[in-house]
Amino acid sequence: MGNIETEAHTRRRRRDIQQLLLASIAFSGIMLVAAITPNAFTILSRLPAVKRAQLKYRCKTALGRLAAQGLVTFEKRDGRQYARITESGRRKFSFEEQKMKLKNKRRWDNRWRVIIFDIPEKRRLVRDRLRQIMSGLGFVRLQDSVWVFPYDCEDFVALLKADLKIGVAVLYLIVEQIENDKHLRVHFDLK
């Protein structure tokens, strides 16, 4: 890798860690700095070549950068330090902004993103809201609880799961082929 590629890779990794921390704080409202929420480590551990000791260090420095940008503030409570998202942080990491990123057309990588969910009847309103959001973003319904999209939308689905509190009820799949997908290719204007 050349110098430019290395620098770009480093900037991307920093931005990804900052975005994930900001998302974690946004959805939990507040985050203990000493022991970052368990789901943040799960999310962050998916980044390549990240060791747990390095992860804690990176999280602390990323939180520092977010604070320097005015996106989070630190407060002390019961002898512990917590990070809280600011209003400008909420605006920067808004749900609507993530929706707009999805709607922008990109180059297709010949893989389908399939979202499968099984939400119980007692949470029907949440299930209907999920369908409404996915339909509004252009996902195509294959069956009642199976939707497809041609572009990477893993971050959005993770945010959606957190926002609607339906984590284990939704599965995100990356599929190489779908039988008889001509109508999908036509719908999404793909070659």
N, C-alpha and C. Protein backbone atom coordinates (compact mmCIF):
# COMPACT_ATOMS: atom_id res chain seq x y z
N MET A 1 0.84 -1.18 0.00
CA MET A 1 0.00 0.00 0.00
C MET A 1 0.88 1.24 0.00
N GLY A 2 0.54 2.22 -0.82
CA GLY A 2 1.30 3.47 -0.86
C GLY A 2 0.94 4.38 0.30
N ASN A 3 1.65 5.50 0.39
CA ASN A 3 1.42 6.45 1.48
C ASN A 3 0.02 7.02 1.46
N ILE A 4 -0.45 7.37 0.29
CA ILE A 4 -1.78 7.96 0.18
C ILE A 4 -2.85 6.95 0.60
N GLU A 5 -2.69 5.72 0.13
CA GLU A 5 -3.65 4.67 0.52
C GLU A 5 -3.63 4.43 2.02
N THR A 6 -2.43 4.40 2.62
CA THR A 6 -2.30 4.17 4.06
C THR A 6 -2.97 5.29 4.84
N GLU A 7 -2.71 6.53 4.43
CA GLU A 7 -3.33 7.67 5.11
C GLU A 7 -4.85 7.65 4.98
N ALA A 8 -5.33 7.32 3.78
CA ALA A 8 -6.78 7.25 3.57
C ALA A 8 -7.39 6.15 4.43
N HIS A 9 -6.71 5.01 4.51
CA HIS A 9 -7.18 3.90 5.33
C HIS A 9 -7.25 4.30 6.80
N THR A 10 -6.23 4.99 7.29
CA THR A 10 -6.20 5.44 8.69
C THR A 10 -7.34 6.42 8.95
N ARG A 11 -7.55 7.38 8.04
CA ARG A 11 -8.65 8.35 8.21
C ARG A 11 -10.00 7.65 8.22
N ARG A 12 -10.17 6.66 7.33
CA ARG A 12 -11.42 5.92 7.27
C ARG A 12 -11.67 5.18 8.57
N ARG A 13 -10.64 4.53 9.10
CA ARG A 13 -10.79 3.78 10.35
C ARG A 13 -11.16 4.71 11.50
N ARG A 14 -10.50 5.88 11.58
CA ARG A 14 -10.84 6.85 12.63
C ARG A 14 -12.29 7.30 12.51
N ARG A 15 -12.69 7.60 11.26
CA ARG A 15 -14.06 8.06 11.03
C ARG A 15 -15.06 6.97 11.41
N ASP A 16 -14.76 5.71 11.07
CA ASP A 16 -15.65 4.60 11.40
C ASP A 16 -15.80 4.44 12.90
N ILE A 17 -14.69 4.51 13.63
CA ILE A 17 -14.74 4.37 15.08
C ILE A 17 -15.53 5.52 15.68
N GLN A 18 -15.30 6.74 15.19
CA GLN A 18 -16.04 7.89 15.70
C GLN A 18 -17.53 7.74 15.44
N GLN A 19 -17.88 7.33 14.23
CA GLN A 19 -19.30 7.15 13.89
C GLN A 19 -19.94 6.09 14.77
N LEU A 20 -19.25 4.98 15.00
CA LEU A 20 -19.81 3.92 15.83
C LEU A 20 -19.97 4.36 17.28
N LEU A 21 -18.99 5.08 17.80
CA LEU A 21 -19.11 5.59 19.17
C LEU A 21 -20.25 6.59 19.27
N LEU A 22 -20.34 7.47 18.30
CA LEU A 22 -21.42 8.46 18.30
C LEU A 22 -22.77 7.78 18.22
N ALA A 23 -22.88 6.73 17.41
CA ALA A 23 -24.14 5.98 17.32
C ALA A 23 -24.46 5.32 18.63
N SER A 24 -23.47 4.75 19.27
CA SER A 24 -23.70 4.08 20.54
C SER A 24 -24.17 5.06 21.60
N ILE A 25 -23.54 6.24 21.64
CA ILE A 25 -23.95 7.26 22.61
C ILE A 25 -25.34 7.78 22.26
N ALA A 26 -25.59 7.97 20.97
CA ALA A 26 -26.89 8.50 20.54
C ALA A 26 -28.03 7.59 20.96
N PHE A 27 -27.84 6.28 20.83
CA PHE A 27 -28.93 5.37 21.13
C PHE A 27 -29.04 5.03 22.61
N SER A 28 -27.91 5.12 23.32
CA SER A 28 -28.00 4.84 24.76
C SER A 28 -28.20 6.12 25.53
N GLY A 29 -27.95 7.28 24.90
CA GLY A 29 -28.13 8.55 25.56
C GLY A 29 -26.89 8.98 26.31
N ILE A 30 -26.26 8.06 27.00
CA ILE A 30 -25.09 8.38 27.79
C ILE A 30 -24.20 7.15 27.81
N MET A 31 -22.92 7.34 27.92
CA MET A 31 -22.02 6.19 27.90
C MET A 31 -20.92 6.40 28.93
N LEU A 32 -20.69 5.39 29.72
CA LEU A 32 -19.60 5.40 30.68
C LEU A 32 -18.30 5.32 29.91
N VAL A 33 -17.41 6.26 30.16
CA VAL A 33 -16.17 6.31 29.41
C VAL A 33 -15.25 5.16 29.79
N ALA A 34 -15.19 4.82 31.06
CA ALA A 34 -14.28 3.76 31.51
C ALA A 34 -14.68 2.40 30.96
N ALA A 35 -15.96 2.13 30.89
CA ALA A 35 -16.43 0.83 30.39
C ALA A 35 -17.48 1.10 29.33
N ILE A 36 -17.04 1.17 28.10
CA ILE A 36 -17.94 1.48 27.00
C ILE A 36 -19.02 0.41 26.91
N THR A 37 -20.21 0.82 26.49
CA THR A 37 -21.34 -0.10 26.45
C THR A 37 -20.96 -1.39 25.74
N PRO A 38 -21.46 -2.54 26.22
CA PRO A 38 -21.07 -3.83 25.65
C PRO A 38 -21.33 -3.93 24.15
N ASN A 39 -22.42 -3.35 23.69
CA ASN A 39 -22.71 -3.47 22.26
C ASN A 39 -21.72 -2.67 21.41
N ALA A 40 -21.11 -1.64 21.98
CA ALA A 40 -20.12 -0.89 21.22
C ALA A 40 -18.90 -1.76 20.93
N PHE A 41 -18.46 -2.56 21.91
CA PHE A 41 -17.33 -3.45 21.67
C PHE A 41 -17.69 -4.50 20.64
N THR A 42 -18.91 -4.98 20.65
CA THR A 42 -19.34 -5.97 19.67
C THR A 42 -19.28 -5.36 18.28
N ILE A 43 -19.78 -4.14 18.15
CA ILE A 43 -19.78 -3.46 16.85
C ILE A 43 -18.35 -3.17 16.42
N LEU A 44 -17.55 -2.60 17.33
CA LEU A 44 -16.20 -2.20 16.98
C LEU A 44 -15.29 -3.38 16.71
N SER A 45 -15.54 -4.50 17.34
CA SER A 45 -14.67 -5.65 17.15
C SER A 45 -14.77 -6.22 15.73
N ARG A 46 -15.77 -5.78 14.99
CA ARG A 46 -15.94 -6.24 13.61
C ARG A 46 -14.95 -5.55 12.67
N LEU A 47 -14.33 -4.47 13.14
CA LEU A 47 -13.33 -3.81 12.32
C LEU A 47 -12.11 -4.71 12.19
N PRO A 48 -11.45 -4.71 11.04
CA PRO A 48 -10.33 -5.63 10.83
C PRO A 48 -9.12 -5.27 11.68
N ALA A 49 -8.42 -6.30 12.14
CA ALA A 49 -7.14 -6.18 12.83
C ALA A 49 -7.18 -5.25 14.04
N VAL A 50 -8.23 -5.32 14.80
CA VAL A 50 -8.33 -4.48 15.99
C VAL A 50 -8.24 -5.39 17.21
N LYS A 51 -7.27 -5.15 18.04
CA LYS A 51 -7.13 -5.92 19.27
C LYS A 51 -7.83 -5.17 20.39
N ARG A 52 -8.24 -5.89 21.43
CA ARG A 52 -9.04 -5.30 22.49
C ARG A 52 -8.32 -4.16 23.20
N ALA A 53 -7.02 -4.29 23.48
CA ALA A 53 -6.28 -3.21 24.14
C ALA A 53 -6.22 -1.98 23.25
N GLN A 54 -5.96 -2.23 21.97
CA GLN A 54 -5.94 -1.12 21.02
C GLN A 54 -7.32 -0.50 20.90
N LEU A 55 -8.34 -1.34 21.00
CA LEU A 55 -9.71 -0.88 20.87
C LEU A 55 -10.06 0.13 21.96
N LYS A 56 -9.68 -0.17 23.20
CA LYS A 56 -9.96 0.77 24.30
C LYS A 56 -9.24 2.09 24.07
N TYR A 57 -7.99 2.00 23.65
CA TYR A 57 -7.22 3.22 23.38
C TYR A 57 -7.86 4.02 22.25
N ARG A 58 -8.22 3.34 21.20
CA ARG A 58 -8.84 4.03 20.06
C ARG A 58 -10.18 4.66 20.44
N CYS A 59 -10.94 3.95 21.26
CA CYS A 59 -12.23 4.50 21.69
C CYS A 59 -12.02 5.77 22.50
N LYS A 60 -11.04 5.74 23.39
CA LYS A 60 -10.79 6.93 24.21
C LYS A 60 -10.33 8.10 23.34
N THR A 61 -9.44 7.84 22.38
CA THR A 61 -8.99 8.94 21.54
C THR A 61 -10.10 9.39 20.59
N ALA A 62 -10.92 8.46 20.14
CA ALA A 62 -12.05 8.85 19.28
C ALA A 62 -13.04 9.70 20.06
N LEU A 63 -13.29 9.32 21.32
CA LEU A 63 -14.17 10.14 22.16
C LEU A 63 -13.58 11.53 22.36
N GLY A 64 -12.26 11.59 22.52
CA GLY A 64 -11.60 12.89 22.65
C GLY A 64 -11.79 13.75 21.40
N ARG A 65 -11.65 13.12 20.24
CA ARG A 65 -11.86 13.87 18.99
C ARG A 65 -13.32 14.31 18.85
N LEU A 66 -14.25 13.44 19.24
CA LEU A 66 -15.67 13.82 19.18
C LEU A 66 -15.96 14.98 20.12
N ALA A 67 -15.32 14.97 21.29
CA ALA A 67 -15.49 16.08 22.24
C ALA A 67 -14.89 17.36 21.67
N ALA A 68 -13.73 17.25 21.03
CA ALA A 68 -13.09 18.42 20.44
C ALA A 68 -13.95 19.03 19.32
N GLN A 69 -14.70 18.18 18.64
CA GLN A 69 -15.60 18.66 17.58
C GLN A 69 -16.92 19.18 18.14
N GLY A 70 -17.13 19.02 19.46
CA GLY A 70 -18.36 19.48 20.09
C GLY A 70 -19.54 18.53 19.90
N LEU A 71 -19.25 17.27 19.56
CA LEU A 71 -20.32 16.31 19.32
C LEU A 71 -20.71 15.54 20.58
N VAL A 72 -19.80 15.44 21.54
CA VAL A 72 -20.09 14.84 22.84
C VAL A 72 -19.50 15.73 23.93
N THR A 73 -20.06 15.60 25.12
CA THR A 73 -19.50 16.28 26.30
C THR A 73 -19.26 15.22 27.37
N PHE A 74 -18.36 15.55 28.29
CA PHE A 74 -18.08 14.64 29.38
C PHE A 74 -18.66 15.22 30.66
N GLU A 75 -19.20 14.35 31.49
CA GLU A 75 -19.71 14.78 32.78
C GLU A 75 -19.37 13.73 33.83
N LYS A 76 -19.20 14.20 35.05
CA LYS A 76 -18.86 13.28 36.14
C LYS A 76 -20.11 13.03 36.97
N ARG A 77 -20.29 11.74 37.30
CA ARG A 77 -21.42 11.32 38.14
C ARG A 77 -20.95 10.16 38.99
N ASP A 78 -21.15 10.26 40.27
CA ASP A 78 -20.78 9.18 41.20
C ASP A 78 -19.32 8.76 41.04
N GLY A 79 -18.45 9.71 40.81
CA GLY A 79 -17.03 9.41 40.69
C GLY A 79 -16.63 8.78 39.36
N ARG A 80 -17.55 8.68 38.44
CA ARG A 80 -17.25 8.11 37.12
C ARG A 80 -17.47 9.16 36.05
N GLN A 81 -16.75 9.00 34.93
CA GLN A 81 -16.88 9.95 33.84
C GLN A 81 -17.75 9.34 32.74
N TYR A 82 -18.71 10.12 32.27
CA TYR A 82 -19.63 9.68 31.23
C TYR A 82 -19.54 10.61 30.03
N ALA A 83 -19.82 10.06 28.86
CA ALA A 83 -19.91 10.87 27.64
C ALA A 83 -21.39 10.98 27.27
N ARG A 84 -21.80 12.19 26.93
CA ARG A 84 -23.19 12.42 26.52
C ARG A 84 -23.17 13.12 25.17
N ILE A 85 -24.07 12.72 24.29
CA ILE A 85 -24.13 13.33 22.96
C ILE A 85 -24.74 14.73 23.08
N THR A 86 -24.21 15.67 22.30
CA THR A 86 -24.74 17.03 22.29
C THR A 86 -25.79 17.15 21.18
N GLU A 87 -26.43 18.28 21.15
CA GLU A 87 -27.45 18.50 20.11
C GLU A 87 -26.81 18.52 18.73
N SER A 88 -25.62 19.11 18.61
CA SER A 88 -24.95 19.11 17.31
C SER A 88 -24.52 17.69 16.93
N GLY A 89 -24.20 16.87 17.92
CA GLY A 89 -23.88 15.47 17.66
C GLY A 89 -25.09 14.72 17.14
N ARG A 90 -26.25 15.00 17.73
CA ARG A 90 -27.49 14.37 17.26
C ARG A 90 -27.80 14.77 15.82
N ARG A 91 -27.59 16.05 15.52
CA ARG A 91 -27.85 16.50 14.15
C ARG A 91 -26.91 15.83 13.16
N LYS A 92 -25.64 15.73 13.54
CA LYS A 92 -24.65 15.12 12.64
C LYS A 92 -24.95 13.65 12.40
N PHE A 93 -25.35 12.98 13.44
CA PHE A 93 -25.60 11.55 13.31
C PHE A 93 -27.10 11.30 13.39
N SER A 94 -27.82 11.87 12.49
CA SER A 94 -29.26 11.71 12.51
C SER A 94 -29.69 10.50 11.70
N PHE A 95 -30.79 9.97 12.09
CA PHE A 95 -31.38 8.83 11.40
C PHE A 95 -31.69 9.22 9.95
N GLU A 96 -32.17 10.43 9.76
CA GLU A 96 -32.52 10.90 8.42
C GLU A 96 -31.30 10.98 7.53
N GLU A 97 -30.16 11.39 8.11
CA GLU A 97 -28.93 11.47 7.33
C GLU A 97 -28.52 10.09 6.84
N GLN A 98 -28.68 9.09 7.68
CA GLN A 98 -28.35 7.73 7.29
C GLN A 98 -29.27 7.26 6.17
N LYS A 99 -30.54 7.66 6.22
CA LYS A 99 -31.47 7.30 5.14
C LYS A 99 -31.03 7.91 3.81
N MET A 100 -30.57 9.15 3.86
CA MET A 100 -30.15 9.82 2.63
C MET A 100 -28.93 9.13 2.02
N LYS A 101 -28.03 8.64 2.84
CA LYS A 101 -26.86 7.92 2.34
C LYS A 101 -27.29 6.67 1.57
N LEU A 102 -28.34 6.02 2.06
CA LEU A 102 -28.83 4.82 1.39
C LEU A 102 -29.43 5.12 0.03
N LYS A 103 -30.10 6.25 -0.08
CA LYS A 103 -30.81 6.57 -1.31
C LYS A 103 -29.87 6.96 -2.46
N ASN A 104 -28.65 7.39 -2.12
CA ASN A 104 -27.70 7.77 -3.17
C ASN A 104 -27.26 6.53 -3.94
N LYS A 105 -27.37 6.60 -5.24
CA LYS A 105 -26.99 5.45 -6.08
C LYS A 105 -25.48 5.26 -6.05
N ARG A 106 -25.09 4.02 -6.02
CA ARG A 106 -23.69 3.65 -6.04
C ARG A 106 -23.47 2.57 -7.08
N ARG A 107 -22.24 2.17 -7.21
CA ARG A 107 -21.92 1.08 -8.12
C ARG A 107 -22.27 -0.24 -7.43
N TRP A 108 -22.98 -1.08 -8.15
CA TRP A 108 -23.44 -2.35 -7.58
C TRP A 108 -22.31 -3.37 -7.59
N ASP A 109 -22.15 -4.12 -6.51
CA ASP A 109 -21.09 -5.12 -6.38
C ASP A 109 -21.58 -6.54 -6.67
N ASN A 110 -22.73 -6.66 -7.33
CA ASN A 110 -23.33 -7.95 -7.70
C ASN A 110 -23.72 -8.81 -6.50
N ARG A 111 -24.02 -8.19 -5.40
CA ARG A 111 -24.49 -8.90 -4.21
C ARG A 111 -25.78 -8.25 -3.74
N TRP A 112 -26.69 -9.09 -3.31
CA TRP A 112 -27.96 -8.61 -2.79
C TRP A 112 -27.89 -8.56 -1.27
N ARG A 113 -28.49 -7.55 -0.68
CA ARG A 113 -28.61 -7.47 0.78
C ARG A 113 -30.05 -7.86 1.11
N VAL A 114 -30.18 -8.92 1.89
CA VAL A 114 -31.49 -9.45 2.23
C VAL A 114 -31.73 -9.23 3.71
N ILE A 115 -32.85 -8.64 4.04
CA ILE A 115 -33.23 -8.41 5.44
C ILE A 115 -34.42 -9.30 5.74
N ILE A 116 -34.26 -10.12 6.75
CA ILE A 116 -35.31 -11.05 7.17
C ILE A 116 -35.68 -10.69 8.60
N PHE A 117 -36.97 -10.62 8.89
CA PHE A 117 -37.35 -10.32 10.27
C PHE A 117 -38.53 -11.18 10.71
N ASP A 118 -38.57 -11.39 12.00
CA ASP A 118 -39.65 -12.16 12.63
C ASP A 118 -40.03 -11.42 13.91
N ILE A 119 -40.95 -10.49 13.77
CA ILE A 119 -41.38 -9.66 14.89
C ILE A 119 -42.76 -10.14 15.33
N PRO A 120 -42.92 -10.46 16.61
CA PRO A 120 -44.19 -11.03 17.09
C PRO A 120 -45.38 -10.08 16.91
N GLU A 121 -46.56 -10.67 16.90
CA GLU A 121 -47.81 -9.93 16.70
C GLU A 121 -48.00 -8.84 17.75
N LYS A 122 -47.55 -9.09 18.97
CA LYS A 122 -47.74 -8.08 20.03
C LYS A 122 -46.94 -6.81 19.76
N ARG A 123 -45.97 -6.87 18.82
CA ARG A 123 -45.20 -5.68 18.43
C ARG A 123 -45.52 -5.29 16.98
N ARG A 124 -46.78 -5.45 16.63
CA ARG A 124 -47.24 -5.20 15.27
C ARG A 124 -46.93 -3.78 14.79
N LEU A 125 -47.06 -2.79 15.66
CA LEU A 125 -46.79 -1.41 15.26
C LEU A 125 -45.33 -1.23 14.86
N VAL A 126 -44.44 -1.87 15.58
CA VAL A 126 -43.01 -1.80 15.25
C VAL A 126 -42.76 -2.50 13.92
N ARG A 127 -43.38 -3.64 13.72
CA ARG A 127 -43.24 -4.38 12.47
C ARG A 127 -43.75 -3.55 11.29
N ASP A 128 -44.89 -2.91 11.47
CA ASP A 128 -45.44 -2.07 10.41
C ASP A 128 -44.54 -0.87 10.13
N ARG A 129 -43.97 -0.29 11.19
CA ARG A 129 -43.06 0.84 11.03
C ARG A 129 -41.81 0.41 10.25
N LEU A 130 -41.28 -0.78 10.57
CA LEU A 130 -40.11 -1.30 9.86
C LEU A 130 -40.43 -1.47 8.38
N ARG A 131 -41.56 -2.04 8.07
CA ARG A 131 -41.96 -2.22 6.66
C ARG A 131 -42.11 -0.88 5.95
N GLN A 132 -42.69 0.09 6.66
CA GLN A 132 -42.90 1.42 6.08
C GLN A 132 -41.55 2.09 5.76
N ILE A 133 -40.61 2.00 6.68
CA ILE A 133 -39.29 2.60 6.47
C ILE A 133 -38.59 1.93 5.29
N MET A 134 -38.60 0.60 5.28
CA MET A 134 -37.90 -0.12 4.22
C MET A 134 -38.53 0.14 2.85
N SER A 135 -39.83 0.19 2.81
CA SER A 135 -40.52 0.49 1.56
C SER A 135 -40.19 1.90 1.09
N GLY A 136 -40.16 2.84 2.02
CA GLY A 136 -39.85 4.23 1.69
C GLY A 136 -38.44 4.42 1.17
N LEU A 137 -37.53 3.55 1.56
CA LEU A 137 -36.14 3.65 1.11
C LEU A 137 -35.87 2.90 -0.18
N GLY A 138 -36.87 2.18 -0.67
CA GLY A 138 -36.70 1.49 -1.94
C GLY A 138 -36.39 0.01 -1.83
N PHE A 139 -36.40 -0.54 -0.63
CA PHE A 139 -36.24 -1.99 -0.49
C PHE A 139 -37.40 -2.67 -1.20
N VAL A 140 -37.16 -3.84 -1.75
CA VAL A 140 -38.22 -4.59 -2.44
C VAL A 140 -38.62 -5.76 -1.56
N ARG A 141 -39.91 -5.93 -1.44
CA ARG A 141 -40.47 -7.01 -0.62
C ARG A 141 -40.56 -8.29 -1.45
N LEU A 142 -39.82 -9.32 -1.02
CA LEU A 142 -39.89 -10.61 -1.70
C LEU A 142 -40.99 -11.47 -1.12
N GLN A 143 -41.10 -11.47 0.19
CA GLN A 143 -42.17 -12.16 0.91
C GLN A 143 -42.54 -11.27 2.09
N ASP A 144 -43.49 -11.70 2.91
CA ASP A 144 -43.97 -10.85 4.00
C ASP A 144 -42.85 -10.26 4.84
N SER A 145 -41.90 -11.05 5.25
CA SER A 145 -40.84 -10.57 6.13
C SER A 145 -39.46 -10.71 5.50
N VAL A 146 -39.40 -10.68 4.19
CA VAL A 146 -38.13 -10.79 3.48
C VAL A 146 -38.04 -9.63 2.48
N TRP A 147 -37.02 -8.79 2.69
CA TRP A 147 -36.83 -7.62 1.84
C TRP A 147 -35.44 -7.66 1.25
N VAL A 148 -35.26 -7.03 0.08
CA VAL A 148 -33.98 -7.06 -0.61
C VAL A 148 -33.59 -5.65 -1.06
N PHE A 149 -32.26 -5.42 -1.08
CA PHE A 149 -31.69 -4.14 -1.50
C PHE A 149 -30.34 -4.44 -2.15
N PRO A 150 -29.95 -3.73 -3.21
CA PRO A 150 -28.71 -4.10 -3.91
C PRO A 150 -27.43 -3.52 -3.31
N TYR A 151 -27.52 -2.52 -2.45
CA TYR A 151 -26.32 -1.85 -1.96
C TYR A 151 -26.10 -2.12 -0.48
N ASP A 152 -24.88 -1.88 -0.05
CA ASP A 152 -24.51 -2.06 1.35
C ASP A 152 -25.39 -1.17 2.24
N CYS A 153 -26.07 -1.79 3.17
CA CYS A 153 -26.94 -1.04 4.08
C CYS A 153 -26.83 -1.59 5.50
N GLU A 154 -25.71 -2.24 5.80
CA GLU A 154 -25.53 -2.87 7.10
C GLU A 154 -25.57 -1.85 8.23
N ASP A 155 -24.90 -0.71 8.07
CA ASP A 155 -24.91 0.32 9.11
C ASP A 155 -26.33 0.82 9.35
N PHE A 156 -27.05 1.06 8.26
CA PHE A 156 -28.42 1.54 8.41
C PHE A 156 -29.30 0.52 9.13
N VAL A 157 -29.17 -0.74 8.76
CA VAL A 157 -29.97 -1.79 9.40
C VAL A 157 -29.62 -1.89 10.88
N ALA A 158 -28.34 -1.75 11.22
CA ALA A 158 -27.93 -1.78 12.63
C ALA A 158 -28.56 -0.61 13.39
N LEU A 159 -28.57 0.57 12.78
CA LEU A 159 -29.22 1.72 13.42
C LEU A 159 -30.72 1.50 13.56
N LEU A 160 -31.31 0.96 12.54
CA LEU A 160 -32.75 0.70 12.55
C LEU A 160 -33.11 -0.31 13.65
N LYS A 161 -32.31 -1.35 13.77
CA LYS A 161 -32.53 -2.35 14.82
C LYS A 161 -32.43 -1.71 16.21
N ALA A 162 -31.44 -0.85 16.37
CA ALA A 162 -31.27 -0.19 17.67
C ALA A 162 -32.40 0.80 17.93
N ASP A 163 -32.77 1.56 16.92
CA ASP A 163 -33.81 2.57 17.09
C ASP A 163 -35.16 1.94 17.40
N LEU A 164 -35.50 0.85 16.71
CA LEU A 164 -36.79 0.20 16.93
C LEU A 164 -36.73 -0.87 18.02
N LYS A 165 -35.53 -1.11 18.57
CA LYS A 165 -35.32 -2.10 19.63
C LYS A 165 -35.78 -3.50 19.19
N ILE A 166 -35.26 -3.92 18.04
CA ILE A 166 -35.64 -5.22 17.47
C ILE A 166 -34.41 -6.03 17.08
N GLY A 167 -33.34 -5.88 17.83
CA GLY A 167 -32.05 -6.48 17.51
C GLY A 167 -32.06 -7.90 17.03
N VAL A 168 -32.52 -8.84 17.84
CA VAL A 168 -32.43 -10.25 17.47
C VAL A 168 -33.52 -10.68 16.50
N ALA A 169 -34.50 -9.86 16.28
CA ALA A 169 -35.61 -10.23 15.40
C ALA A 169 -35.31 -9.97 13.93
N VAL A 170 -34.18 -9.33 13.64
CA VAL A 170 -33.84 -8.97 12.27
C VAL A 170 -32.50 -9.58 11.89
N LEU A 171 -32.46 -10.21 10.71
CA LEU A 171 -31.21 -10.78 10.20
C LEU A 171 -30.83 -10.05 8.92
N TYR A 172 -29.53 -9.79 8.77
CA TYR A 172 -28.98 -9.13 7.60
C TYR A 172 -28.13 -10.14 6.85
N LEU A 173 -28.45 -10.38 5.59
CA LEU A 173 -27.72 -11.36 4.78
C LEU A 173 -27.13 -10.69 3.56
N ILE A 174 -25.98 -11.18 3.14
CA ILE A 174 -25.39 -10.77 1.87
C ILE A 174 -25.42 -12.00 0.98
N VAL A 175 -26.12 -11.89 -0.14
CA VAL A 175 -26.39 -13.03 -1.00
C VAL A 175 -25.78 -12.80 -2.38
N GLU A 176 -25.10 -13.81 -2.90
CA GLU A 176 -24.48 -13.71 -4.22
C GLU A 176 -25.51 -13.79 -5.35
N GLN A 177 -26.50 -14.65 -5.20
CA GLN A 177 -27.50 -14.83 -6.25
C GLN A 177 -28.89 -15.01 -5.65
N ILE A 178 -29.87 -14.53 -6.39
CA ILE A 178 -31.26 -14.79 -6.07
C ILE A 178 -31.89 -15.36 -7.34
N GLU A 179 -32.56 -16.46 -7.20
CA GLU A 179 -33.20 -17.10 -8.34
C GLU A 179 -34.22 -16.16 -8.96
N ASN A 180 -34.23 -16.09 -10.29
CA ASN A 180 -35.17 -15.24 -11.03
C ASN A 180 -35.13 -13.79 -10.55
N ASP A 181 -33.96 -13.20 -10.55
CA ASP A 181 -33.82 -11.83 -10.02
C ASP A 181 -33.94 -10.75 -11.10
N LYS A 182 -34.43 -11.13 -12.28
CA LYS A 182 -34.55 -10.16 -13.36
C LYS A 182 -35.43 -8.98 -12.97
N HIS A 183 -36.56 -9.26 -12.31
CA HIS A 183 -37.46 -8.17 -11.91
C HIS A 183 -36.78 -7.24 -10.89
N LEU A 184 -35.89 -7.77 -10.07
CA LEU A 184 -35.15 -6.94 -9.11
C LEU A 184 -34.15 -6.05 -9.84
N ARG A 185 -33.46 -6.64 -10.81
CA ARG A 185 -32.48 -5.86 -11.58
C ARG A 185 -33.17 -4.72 -12.35
N VAL A 186 -34.34 -5.01 -12.88
CA VAL A 186 -35.09 -3.98 -13.60
C VAL A 186 -35.55 -2.91 -12.62
N HIS A 187 -36.07 -3.33 -11.47
CA HIS A 187 -36.56 -2.37 -10.46
C HIS A 187 -35.47 -1.41 -10.00
N PHE A 188 -34.27 -1.94 -9.75
CA PHE A 188 -33.16 -1.12 -9.26
C PHE A 188 -32.30 -0.55 -10.38
N ASP A 189 -32.71 -0.79 -11.64
CA ASP A 189 -31.99 -0.29 -12.80
C ASP A 189 -30.53 -0.74 -12.80
N LEU A 190 -30.33 -2.05 -12.63
CA LEU A 190 -29.01 -2.65 -12.60
C LEU A 190 -28.76 -3.40 -13.90
N LYS A 191 -27.50 -3.54 -14.30
CA LYS A 191 -27.16 -4.24 -15.54
C LYS A 191 -27.25 -5.72 -15.37
